[in-house]
Amino acid sequence: MTEEEMRPERYIREKQEIHKNCTDELLTRKESFVFVPCPACARHEFSPAFAKGGFSFVTCAYCATIYVNPRPTFQMLMEYQAASHEAARIWVEKIYPISEPVRREHIFKPRAMKVVDLVKKYHCGTTRIVDVGAGFGTFGEEIANLRFFEEVILVESGALCAENCRRKGLTVIEAPIEEVEIDQVDILTNFELIEHLFDPKEFILSCRRNLTRNGLLIISTPNAKGFDMRTLGRLSGTYQAPLHINYFHTGSLGLLLENCGFETVEVLTPGVLDAELVRKKVLSNEFSVEDNPFLRSVLIDNWEELGGHFQNFLAVNNLSSHMWAVARRMD
């Protein structure tokens, strides 16, 4: 699986242009941005990390979470999403249909199997699973195809994505989880969502409210202490406000979950693109490894031989920039 198969460049550029125009408009109201506490530990002390695209990224002085501060208000972010409707359409109608077969085989089928393995491992109920932020619905399809759960429900607030899920014959609630009440939810999943949210704590508490006692929350998000993000810093494509405004790491995400009434039972980083992403920055002369013989050897000189092994090393040792947390609701 390559980045081009995941994100066809010709459509990504079109989508990025729309986002840029919407972002430029948002930045004209920068004086109305608001300061927020750390999204992980709720402390107010921070130090500047870097500036990118007109936004200030800071590092929490207590837990080292990186986040955008000050940030657009919740209402501003909602208006930004509405203005970016055409970018969402490009994703739903162009990018995702092209990349769905590759994503299905390399991401969503393994993801569904991994969720089932985790449910078995932690002896959870199988009456109902809810996937929040269901997107195109491919994970919903794959988890339903396994016939492991009695009922699969998707929660998706985006109208275009929700409609695509319905076309797949899936049960969809078109609303944010903060406005949803579902009974007897044994497992609640959300993938690549929390980094977008104005208030991650409210989101996690809403997930907890919908879970049964001892229910399992499975969540994925970028890992700010992973290889791609730590190596490239502000050059990492994952740092892209206002789309992403919260950047947890394995420790700080666990802290947030604990503060919201969860016990983290497992953390893993199954990412597969870190080494390739850094390599591309080197090849494009955006990032240099001339002073790092080890990285030059792995990413450039001996890429065919070592690249895959190096990525596997990152994943196994929780050093990839994509992470999962598995947490049990505590009462």
Foldseek 3Di string as FASTA:
>chain_A
DAVCLQFVPVLVVVLVVLLLVLVVVLLVVVVPFAFFAALQQRHRDWAWQDDDPNWTWIAHPPARWIFTGRGHDPVSLVVSVVSSVVSLVSVQPPNCVSNVVVCLVPPQLVVLVVVVVVCVVLVWDQAEEEEEQCFQVSNVVNNVVVVRHNAYEYEHQDPSSQVNNVVVVHHYDNDHLLPDADAAHQEYEYEADLQQDPRSLSSLLSVLRNHDAQGKYKYKHFACQAQQNVVCPVNRPSPDPPRGGIHHHPVSNQSSNVVSQKHWDDKFFQDQCRLVRVLVCCVVVVDDCPVPVVNCVCNPVCVVPRVRVVSVVCRVVRRHRMMMIMITGHD
